[in-house]
N, C-alpha and C. Protein backbone atom coordinates (compact mmCIF):
# COMPACT_ATOMS: atom_id res chain seq x y z
N MET A 1 -5.07 -22.07 -5.57
CA MET A 1 -4.03 -21.28 -6.14
C MET A 1 -3.95 -19.94 -5.43
N ILE A 2 -2.76 -19.56 -4.98
CA ILE A 2 -2.54 -18.30 -4.30
C ILE A 2 -2.12 -17.26 -5.33
N LEU A 3 -2.87 -16.16 -5.40
CA LEU A 3 -2.55 -15.09 -6.32
C LEU A 3 -1.38 -14.26 -5.80
N GLN A 4 -0.47 -13.91 -6.69
CA GLN A 4 0.63 -13.04 -6.31
C GLN A 4 0.15 -11.59 -6.35
N PRO A 5 0.52 -10.78 -5.38
CA PRO A 5 0.09 -9.38 -5.38
C PRO A 5 0.66 -8.62 -6.58
N ARG A 6 -0.15 -7.72 -7.10
CA ARG A 6 0.27 -6.85 -8.19
C ARG A 6 0.72 -5.52 -7.58
N ASN A 7 1.76 -4.92 -8.15
CA ASN A 7 2.22 -3.62 -7.68
C ASN A 7 1.20 -2.54 -8.00
N THR A 8 1.04 -1.61 -7.09
CA THR A 8 0.15 -0.48 -7.30
C THR A 8 0.81 0.53 -8.24
N ALA A 9 0.08 1.58 -8.57
CA ALA A 9 0.55 2.59 -9.53
C ALA A 9 1.86 3.25 -9.09
N GLY A 10 2.02 3.49 -7.81
CA GLY A 10 3.22 4.16 -7.31
C GLY A 10 4.35 3.22 -6.95
N THR A 11 4.15 1.93 -7.09
CA THR A 11 5.16 0.94 -6.73
C THR A 11 5.71 0.33 -8.01
N ARG A 12 6.93 0.67 -8.34
CA ARG A 12 7.57 0.17 -9.55
C ARG A 12 8.86 -0.52 -9.18
N SER A 13 9.08 -1.70 -9.72
CA SER A 13 10.30 -2.45 -9.45
C SER A 13 11.07 -2.61 -10.76
N ILE A 14 12.28 -3.09 -10.68
CA ILE A 14 13.09 -3.30 -11.88
C ILE A 14 12.42 -4.27 -12.85
N PRO A 15 11.84 -5.41 -12.40
CA PRO A 15 11.14 -6.27 -13.37
C PRO A 15 9.98 -5.57 -14.08
N ASP A 16 9.29 -4.64 -13.40
CA ASP A 16 8.22 -3.88 -14.05
C ASP A 16 8.78 -3.06 -15.20
N VAL A 17 9.92 -2.43 -14.99
CA VAL A 17 10.53 -1.57 -16.01
C VAL A 17 11.06 -2.42 -17.16
N ILE A 18 11.59 -3.59 -16.87
CA ILE A 18 12.09 -4.47 -17.93
C ILE A 18 10.93 -4.96 -18.81
N ARG A 19 9.81 -5.33 -18.18
CA ARG A 19 8.65 -5.79 -18.95
C ARG A 19 8.07 -4.67 -19.81
N ASP A 20 8.05 -3.46 -19.29
CA ASP A 20 7.47 -2.33 -19.99
C ASP A 20 8.32 -1.09 -19.73
N PRO A 21 9.22 -0.73 -20.67
CA PRO A 21 10.11 0.41 -20.45
C PRO A 21 9.39 1.73 -20.17
N ARG A 22 8.12 1.85 -20.54
CA ARG A 22 7.37 3.08 -20.24
C ARG A 22 7.17 3.25 -18.74
N GLN A 23 7.33 2.16 -17.96
CA GLN A 23 7.18 2.24 -16.52
C GLN A 23 8.19 3.22 -15.92
N TRP A 24 9.37 3.32 -16.54
CA TRP A 24 10.37 4.26 -16.04
C TRP A 24 9.81 5.68 -16.10
N TRP A 25 9.20 6.04 -17.22
CA TRP A 25 8.66 7.39 -17.37
C TRP A 25 7.54 7.64 -16.37
N TRP A 26 6.66 6.66 -16.17
CA TRP A 26 5.58 6.85 -15.21
C TRP A 26 6.14 6.98 -13.80
N GLY A 27 7.25 6.32 -13.52
CA GLY A 27 7.88 6.47 -12.22
C GLY A 27 8.38 7.88 -12.01
N VAL A 28 8.95 8.48 -13.05
CA VAL A 28 9.41 9.86 -12.99
C VAL A 28 8.22 10.80 -12.78
N GLN A 29 7.09 10.49 -13.41
CA GLN A 29 5.90 11.32 -13.33
C GLN A 29 5.12 11.11 -12.02
N GLY A 30 5.48 10.11 -11.23
CA GLY A 30 4.81 9.86 -9.97
C GLY A 30 3.80 8.73 -10.02
N GLY A 31 3.65 8.07 -11.16
CA GLY A 31 2.73 6.94 -11.29
C GLY A 31 1.70 7.19 -12.39
N ASN A 32 1.17 6.11 -12.90
CA ASN A 32 0.20 6.17 -13.99
C ASN A 32 -1.21 6.29 -13.42
N PRO A 33 -1.96 7.37 -13.72
CA PRO A 33 -3.31 7.54 -13.17
C PRO A 33 -4.28 6.44 -13.60
N LYS A 34 -4.12 5.88 -14.79
CA LYS A 34 -5.01 4.80 -15.23
C LYS A 34 -4.79 3.55 -14.38
N VAL A 35 -3.54 3.28 -14.02
CA VAL A 35 -3.25 2.14 -13.15
C VAL A 35 -3.81 2.40 -11.76
N ALA A 36 -3.77 3.65 -11.30
CA ALA A 36 -4.32 3.99 -9.98
C ALA A 36 -5.82 3.72 -9.94
N GLU A 37 -6.53 4.03 -11.02
CA GLU A 37 -7.97 3.73 -11.09
C GLU A 37 -8.20 2.22 -11.06
N GLN A 38 -7.37 1.47 -11.77
CA GLN A 38 -7.48 0.01 -11.79
C GLN A 38 -7.18 -0.57 -10.41
N ASP A 39 -6.25 0.06 -9.68
CA ASP A 39 -5.92 -0.40 -8.32
C ASP A 39 -7.16 -0.40 -7.43
N MET A 40 -7.91 0.69 -7.48
CA MET A 40 -9.11 0.80 -6.64
C MET A 40 -10.13 -0.28 -7.02
N HIS A 41 -10.31 -0.50 -8.30
CA HIS A 41 -11.24 -1.54 -8.77
C HIS A 41 -10.77 -2.92 -8.31
N ASP A 42 -9.49 -3.22 -8.50
CA ASP A 42 -8.95 -4.53 -8.11
C ASP A 42 -9.05 -4.75 -6.61
N LEU A 43 -8.80 -3.71 -5.83
CA LEU A 43 -8.89 -3.83 -4.37
C LEU A 43 -10.29 -4.26 -3.96
N ARG A 44 -11.29 -3.59 -4.50
CA ARG A 44 -12.68 -3.88 -4.13
C ARG A 44 -13.17 -5.20 -4.71
N GLN A 45 -12.47 -5.74 -5.70
CA GLN A 45 -12.80 -7.06 -6.23
C GLN A 45 -12.14 -8.18 -5.42
N GLY A 46 -11.26 -7.83 -4.50
CA GLY A 46 -10.59 -8.82 -3.67
C GLY A 46 -9.29 -9.34 -4.26
N ARG A 47 -8.75 -8.65 -5.26
CA ARG A 47 -7.47 -9.05 -5.85
C ARG A 47 -6.33 -8.48 -5.00
N PRO A 48 -5.23 -9.22 -4.86
CA PRO A 48 -4.13 -8.75 -4.01
C PRO A 48 -3.30 -7.65 -4.66
N LEU A 49 -3.00 -6.63 -3.88
CA LEU A 49 -2.15 -5.52 -4.30
C LEU A 49 -1.06 -5.32 -3.28
N GLN A 50 0.06 -4.75 -3.73
CA GLN A 50 1.13 -4.40 -2.79
C GLN A 50 1.63 -3.00 -3.13
N ALA A 51 1.86 -2.22 -2.07
CA ALA A 51 2.34 -0.85 -2.22
C ALA A 51 3.54 -0.64 -1.30
N VAL A 52 4.51 0.12 -1.80
CA VAL A 52 5.64 0.47 -0.95
C VAL A 52 5.12 1.32 0.20
N ALA A 53 5.46 0.93 1.42
CA ALA A 53 5.00 1.65 2.61
C ALA A 53 6.12 1.65 3.64
N HIS A 54 6.60 2.83 3.98
CA HIS A 54 7.63 2.97 5.00
C HIS A 54 6.92 3.12 6.35
N LEU A 55 7.21 2.23 7.27
CA LEU A 55 6.55 2.22 8.57
C LEU A 55 7.49 2.82 9.62
N ARG A 56 6.97 3.75 10.41
CA ARG A 56 7.80 4.35 11.45
C ARG A 56 7.75 3.47 12.69
N ARG A 57 8.92 3.04 13.10
CA ARG A 57 9.10 2.30 14.35
C ARG A 57 10.11 3.10 15.17
N GLY A 58 9.66 3.71 16.24
CA GLY A 58 10.56 4.58 17.00
C GLY A 58 10.79 5.87 16.23
N ARG A 59 12.06 6.21 16.00
CA ARG A 59 12.39 7.45 15.31
C ARG A 59 12.55 7.28 13.81
N PHE A 60 12.75 6.05 13.33
CA PHE A 60 13.13 5.83 11.94
C PHE A 60 12.04 5.12 11.16
N PHE A 61 12.01 5.38 9.85
CA PHE A 61 11.11 4.68 8.95
C PHE A 61 11.80 3.42 8.45
N ARG A 62 11.05 2.34 8.38
CA ARG A 62 11.54 1.07 7.84
C ARG A 62 10.82 0.81 6.52
N GLN A 63 11.59 0.54 5.47
CA GLN A 63 10.99 0.30 4.17
C GLN A 63 10.36 -1.09 4.13
N GLY A 64 9.23 -1.17 3.47
CA GLY A 64 8.55 -2.46 3.32
C GLY A 64 7.41 -2.36 2.33
N LEU A 65 6.57 -3.38 2.36
CA LEU A 65 5.41 -3.46 1.48
C LEU A 65 4.15 -3.63 2.31
N LEU A 66 3.11 -2.91 1.94
CA LEU A 66 1.79 -3.13 2.51
C LEU A 66 1.04 -4.02 1.53
N ILE A 67 0.67 -5.23 1.98
CA ILE A 67 -0.08 -6.17 1.15
C ILE A 67 -1.55 -6.00 1.49
N MET A 68 -2.36 -5.71 0.47
CA MET A 68 -3.79 -5.50 0.64
C MET A 68 -4.51 -6.59 -0.14
N HIS A 69 -5.13 -7.52 0.58
CA HIS A 69 -5.83 -8.63 -0.07
C HIS A 69 -7.09 -8.93 0.73
N PHE A 70 -8.18 -8.32 0.31
CA PHE A 70 -9.43 -8.45 1.06
C PHE A 70 -9.96 -9.88 1.08
N ALA A 71 -9.63 -10.71 0.09
CA ALA A 71 -10.15 -12.06 0.04
C ALA A 71 -9.32 -13.04 0.87
N ALA A 72 -8.25 -12.58 1.51
CA ALA A 72 -7.39 -13.45 2.33
C ALA A 72 -7.82 -13.40 3.79
N ALA A 73 -7.31 -14.34 4.56
CA ALA A 73 -7.62 -14.37 6.00
C ALA A 73 -7.06 -13.11 6.68
N GLU A 74 -5.81 -12.76 6.39
CA GLU A 74 -5.19 -11.53 6.88
C GLU A 74 -5.33 -10.51 5.75
N ARG A 75 -6.25 -9.60 5.87
CA ARG A 75 -6.56 -8.68 4.76
C ARG A 75 -5.49 -7.64 4.52
N LEU A 76 -4.84 -7.20 5.58
CA LEU A 76 -3.78 -6.21 5.47
C LEU A 76 -2.56 -6.70 6.25
N THR A 77 -1.41 -6.72 5.59
CA THR A 77 -0.16 -7.10 6.26
C THR A 77 0.95 -6.18 5.75
N TRP A 78 1.97 -6.00 6.59
CA TRP A 78 3.13 -5.22 6.21
C TRP A 78 4.33 -6.14 6.32
N ARG A 79 5.22 -6.06 5.32
CA ARG A 79 6.43 -6.88 5.30
C ARG A 79 7.66 -5.98 5.17
N LYS A 80 8.58 -6.14 6.11
CA LYS A 80 9.81 -5.33 6.10
C LYS A 80 10.73 -5.79 4.98
N TRP A 81 11.33 -4.82 4.29
CA TRP A 81 12.31 -5.11 3.26
C TRP A 81 13.64 -5.42 3.91
N ARG A 82 14.31 -6.47 3.40
CA ARG A 82 15.63 -6.85 3.90
C ARG A 82 16.55 -6.96 2.68
N PRO A 83 17.66 -6.22 2.66
CA PRO A 83 18.55 -6.26 1.49
C PRO A 83 19.15 -7.65 1.29
N PHE A 84 19.15 -8.09 0.04
CA PHE A 84 19.74 -9.36 -0.39
C PHE A 84 19.03 -10.58 0.19
N LEU A 85 17.88 -10.40 0.79
CA LEU A 85 17.09 -11.50 1.34
C LEU A 85 15.65 -11.34 0.86
N THR A 86 14.82 -12.30 1.19
CA THR A 86 13.40 -12.14 0.93
C THR A 86 12.82 -11.19 1.97
N TYR A 87 11.60 -10.77 1.77
CA TYR A 87 10.96 -9.90 2.75
C TYR A 87 10.77 -10.65 4.07
N ALA A 88 10.74 -9.90 5.15
CA ALA A 88 10.53 -10.47 6.48
C ALA A 88 9.12 -11.05 6.57
N PRO A 89 8.86 -11.88 7.57
CA PRO A 89 7.49 -12.42 7.74
C PRO A 89 6.48 -11.29 7.89
N PRO A 90 5.26 -11.51 7.43
CA PRO A 90 4.26 -10.44 7.47
C PRO A 90 3.82 -10.09 8.89
N ILE A 91 3.58 -8.80 9.08
CA ILE A 91 3.02 -8.29 10.33
C ILE A 91 1.58 -7.91 10.02
N PRO A 92 0.60 -8.58 10.63
CA PRO A 92 -0.79 -8.23 10.32
C PRO A 92 -1.18 -6.86 10.86
N VAL A 93 -2.06 -6.19 10.11
CA VAL A 93 -2.64 -4.93 10.54
C VAL A 93 -4.06 -5.28 11.00
N PRO A 94 -4.26 -5.50 12.30
CA PRO A 94 -5.55 -6.02 12.77
C PRO A 94 -6.63 -4.94 12.84
N PRO A 95 -7.88 -5.35 12.59
CA PRO A 95 -8.98 -4.41 12.80
C PRO A 95 -9.25 -4.30 14.30
N PRO A 96 -9.93 -3.34 14.79
CA PRO A 96 -10.50 -2.21 14.07
C PRO A 96 -9.45 -1.15 13.81
N ILE A 97 -9.60 -0.45 12.71
CA ILE A 97 -8.69 0.63 12.33
C ILE A 97 -9.44 1.95 12.52
N GLU A 98 -8.82 2.86 13.25
CA GLU A 98 -9.46 4.13 13.59
C GLU A 98 -8.64 5.31 13.12
N ALA A 99 -9.31 6.40 12.87
CA ALA A 99 -8.71 7.72 12.62
C ALA A 99 -7.63 7.68 11.55
N VAL A 100 -8.00 7.35 10.34
CA VAL A 100 -7.06 7.40 9.24
C VAL A 100 -6.95 8.86 8.81
N THR A 101 -5.78 9.45 9.05
CA THR A 101 -5.52 10.82 8.62
C THR A 101 -4.31 10.83 7.70
N VAL A 102 -4.33 11.75 6.75
CA VAL A 102 -3.24 11.88 5.78
C VAL A 102 -2.68 13.29 5.91
N ARG A 103 -1.35 13.37 5.96
CA ARG A 103 -0.72 14.67 6.08
C ARG A 103 0.52 14.75 5.19
N GLU A 104 0.95 15.97 4.94
CA GLU A 104 2.17 16.22 4.18
C GLU A 104 3.38 15.87 5.05
N PRO A 105 4.52 15.55 4.44
CA PRO A 105 5.74 15.36 5.24
C PRO A 105 6.08 16.65 5.98
N SER A 106 6.48 16.51 7.24
CA SER A 106 6.74 17.71 8.04
C SER A 106 8.17 17.78 8.58
N SER A 107 8.93 16.71 8.51
CA SER A 107 10.30 16.74 9.02
C SER A 107 11.29 16.46 7.88
N PHE A 108 12.55 16.74 8.15
CA PHE A 108 13.58 16.47 7.16
C PHE A 108 13.60 15.00 6.77
N GLN A 109 13.48 14.13 7.77
CA GLN A 109 13.49 12.68 7.52
C GLN A 109 12.33 12.27 6.61
N GLU A 110 11.16 12.84 6.83
CA GLU A 110 10.00 12.51 6.00
C GLU A 110 10.17 13.03 4.58
N HIS A 111 10.76 14.21 4.42
CA HIS A 111 11.00 14.76 3.08
C HIS A 111 12.02 13.93 2.32
N GLN A 112 12.94 13.27 3.01
CA GLN A 112 13.95 12.44 2.37
C GLN A 112 13.33 11.24 1.65
N LEU A 113 12.12 10.84 2.01
CA LEU A 113 11.47 9.68 1.40
C LEU A 113 10.93 9.99 0.00
N GLY A 114 10.89 11.24 -0.38
CA GLY A 114 10.43 11.60 -1.72
C GLY A 114 8.99 12.09 -1.72
N ASP A 115 8.29 11.80 -2.82
CA ASP A 115 6.91 12.25 -3.02
C ASP A 115 5.96 11.31 -2.27
N VAL A 116 5.85 11.52 -0.96
CA VAL A 116 5.02 10.66 -0.11
C VAL A 116 4.05 11.49 0.70
N ARG A 117 3.08 10.82 1.26
CA ARG A 117 2.19 11.39 2.26
C ARG A 117 2.26 10.46 3.46
N ILE A 118 2.05 11.01 4.64
CA ILE A 118 2.13 10.24 5.88
C ILE A 118 0.70 9.90 6.31
N ILE A 119 0.44 8.62 6.53
CA ILE A 119 -0.87 8.15 6.97
C ILE A 119 -0.74 7.73 8.42
N ASP A 120 -1.53 8.36 9.29
CA ASP A 120 -1.56 8.05 10.73
C ASP A 120 -2.85 7.31 11.04
N PHE A 121 -2.75 6.21 11.78
CA PHE A 121 -3.94 5.47 12.19
C PHE A 121 -3.63 4.58 13.37
N ARG A 122 -4.68 4.12 14.02
CA ARG A 122 -4.58 3.18 15.14
C ARG A 122 -5.17 1.86 14.67
N SER A 123 -4.43 0.80 14.93
CA SER A 123 -4.89 -0.55 14.57
C SER A 123 -4.78 -1.43 15.80
N GLY A 124 -5.92 -1.94 16.25
CA GLY A 124 -5.90 -2.69 17.50
C GLY A 124 -5.43 -1.76 18.61
N SER A 125 -4.32 -2.11 19.27
CA SER A 125 -3.80 -1.27 20.35
C SER A 125 -2.54 -0.51 19.92
N GLN A 126 -2.19 -0.57 18.64
CA GLN A 126 -0.96 0.06 18.17
C GLN A 126 -1.23 1.31 17.36
N GLU A 127 -0.32 2.28 17.51
CA GLU A 127 -0.32 3.48 16.67
C GLU A 127 0.59 3.19 15.48
N TRP A 128 0.14 3.49 14.28
CA TRP A 128 0.92 3.28 13.07
C TRP A 128 1.12 4.61 12.38
N GLU A 129 2.30 4.79 11.81
CA GLU A 129 2.60 5.94 10.99
C GLU A 129 3.31 5.40 9.75
N MET A 130 2.69 5.60 8.60
CA MET A 130 3.16 4.97 7.38
C MET A 130 3.32 6.01 6.28
N ALA A 131 4.48 6.01 5.61
CA ALA A 131 4.72 6.89 4.48
C ALA A 131 4.42 6.11 3.20
N VAL A 132 3.55 6.67 2.36
CA VAL A 132 3.11 6.00 1.14
C VAL A 132 3.26 6.97 -0.02
N VAL A 133 3.64 6.44 -1.19
CA VAL A 133 3.77 7.25 -2.40
C VAL A 133 2.43 7.96 -2.65
N THR A 134 2.48 9.22 -3.02
CA THR A 134 1.28 10.05 -3.13
C THR A 134 0.19 9.44 -3.98
N ILE A 135 0.51 8.87 -5.13
CA ILE A 135 -0.53 8.33 -6.01
C ILE A 135 -1.21 7.10 -5.40
N ASP A 136 -0.54 6.44 -4.45
CA ASP A 136 -1.11 5.25 -3.80
C ASP A 136 -1.95 5.57 -2.56
N VAL A 137 -1.97 6.82 -2.12
CA VAL A 137 -2.71 7.18 -0.91
C VAL A 137 -4.19 6.82 -1.00
N PRO A 138 -4.91 7.11 -2.09
CA PRO A 138 -6.33 6.75 -2.12
C PRO A 138 -6.59 5.25 -1.95
N VAL A 139 -5.81 4.40 -2.61
CA VAL A 139 -6.05 2.96 -2.49
C VAL A 139 -5.66 2.46 -1.10
N VAL A 140 -4.60 2.99 -0.52
CA VAL A 140 -4.18 2.55 0.82
C VAL A 140 -5.18 3.00 1.88
N THR A 141 -5.63 4.25 1.82
CA THR A 141 -6.60 4.70 2.81
C THR A 141 -7.94 3.97 2.65
N THR A 142 -8.33 3.67 1.42
CA THR A 142 -9.55 2.88 1.20
C THR A 142 -9.38 1.49 1.80
N ALA A 143 -8.22 0.89 1.60
CA ALA A 143 -7.97 -0.44 2.17
C ALA A 143 -8.05 -0.40 3.69
N LEU A 144 -7.47 0.63 4.29
CA LEU A 144 -7.50 0.74 5.76
C LEU A 144 -8.92 0.92 6.28
N ARG A 145 -9.71 1.70 5.57
CA ARG A 145 -11.08 1.97 6.03
C ARG A 145 -12.04 0.83 5.76
N GLU A 146 -11.85 0.09 4.66
CA GLU A 146 -12.83 -0.90 4.24
C GLU A 146 -12.45 -2.36 4.49
N ALA A 147 -11.25 -2.62 4.96
CA ALA A 147 -10.80 -4.01 5.12
C ALA A 147 -11.70 -4.81 6.04
N ALA A 148 -12.08 -4.25 7.15
CA ALA A 148 -12.88 -4.98 8.14
C ALA A 148 -14.31 -5.21 7.67
N SER A 149 -14.84 -4.32 6.84
CA SER A 149 -16.24 -4.42 6.44
C SER A 149 -16.44 -5.07 5.07
N TRP A 150 -15.37 -5.46 4.39
CA TRP A 150 -15.50 -6.04 3.05
C TRP A 150 -16.22 -7.37 3.13
N SER A 151 -17.22 -7.55 2.30
CA SER A 151 -18.02 -8.80 2.33
C SER A 151 -17.97 -9.56 1.02
N GLY A 152 -17.15 -9.18 0.12
CA GLY A 152 -17.04 -9.86 -1.17
C GLY A 152 -17.13 -8.86 -2.30
N PRO A 153 -16.75 -9.30 -3.51
CA PRO A 153 -16.81 -8.37 -4.64
C PRO A 153 -18.24 -8.00 -4.96
N PRO A 154 -18.46 -6.79 -5.48
CA PRO A 154 -19.82 -6.39 -5.84
C PRO A 154 -20.35 -7.22 -7.00
N ALA A 155 -21.65 -7.32 -7.07
CA ALA A 155 -22.29 -8.05 -8.17
C ALA A 155 -22.04 -7.28 -9.47
N PRO A 156 -22.03 -7.97 -10.62
CA PRO A 156 -21.75 -7.31 -11.89
C PRO A 156 -22.66 -6.11 -12.17
N GLY A 157 -23.90 -6.15 -11.73
CA GLY A 157 -24.82 -5.04 -11.95
C GLY A 157 -24.54 -3.83 -11.09
N ASP A 158 -23.74 -4.00 -10.01
CA ASP A 158 -23.43 -2.91 -9.09
C ASP A 158 -22.28 -2.05 -9.56
N LEU A 159 -21.55 -2.49 -10.58
CA LEU A 159 -20.38 -1.73 -11.04
C LEU A 159 -20.76 -0.60 -11.86
């Protein structure tokens, strides 16, 4: 059975709001901190998560999803959003990942994305620049740093 990824604290969709109308308020507030704590726990347990991540290709950011699933063969993948279609095929984020840095938006284009932080890193031979909702930055940076070294969920006594 393939598990469907769960949205992170900063990633809210219309079905999330329909299931729980309080999600709208947490979206206005920037995300639910309790869900953000659960995100980190679920990530390290090997459960799949997805976060909105705008990837810079050339001069422009492309909207998509970063899928973080440590228990899968491809632990980190990015999928481009396509209007009125399903998401594009996944682009793997291959290890090794180096120099994960987080910075504030610095250009007009970056500020247009809203309450985000820009994560810069090198994956394989590619440079990546990804805009992520601020509350999701800890889980995304943890995923980038720990994906290659993850060896399974911790034992119950280690929690």
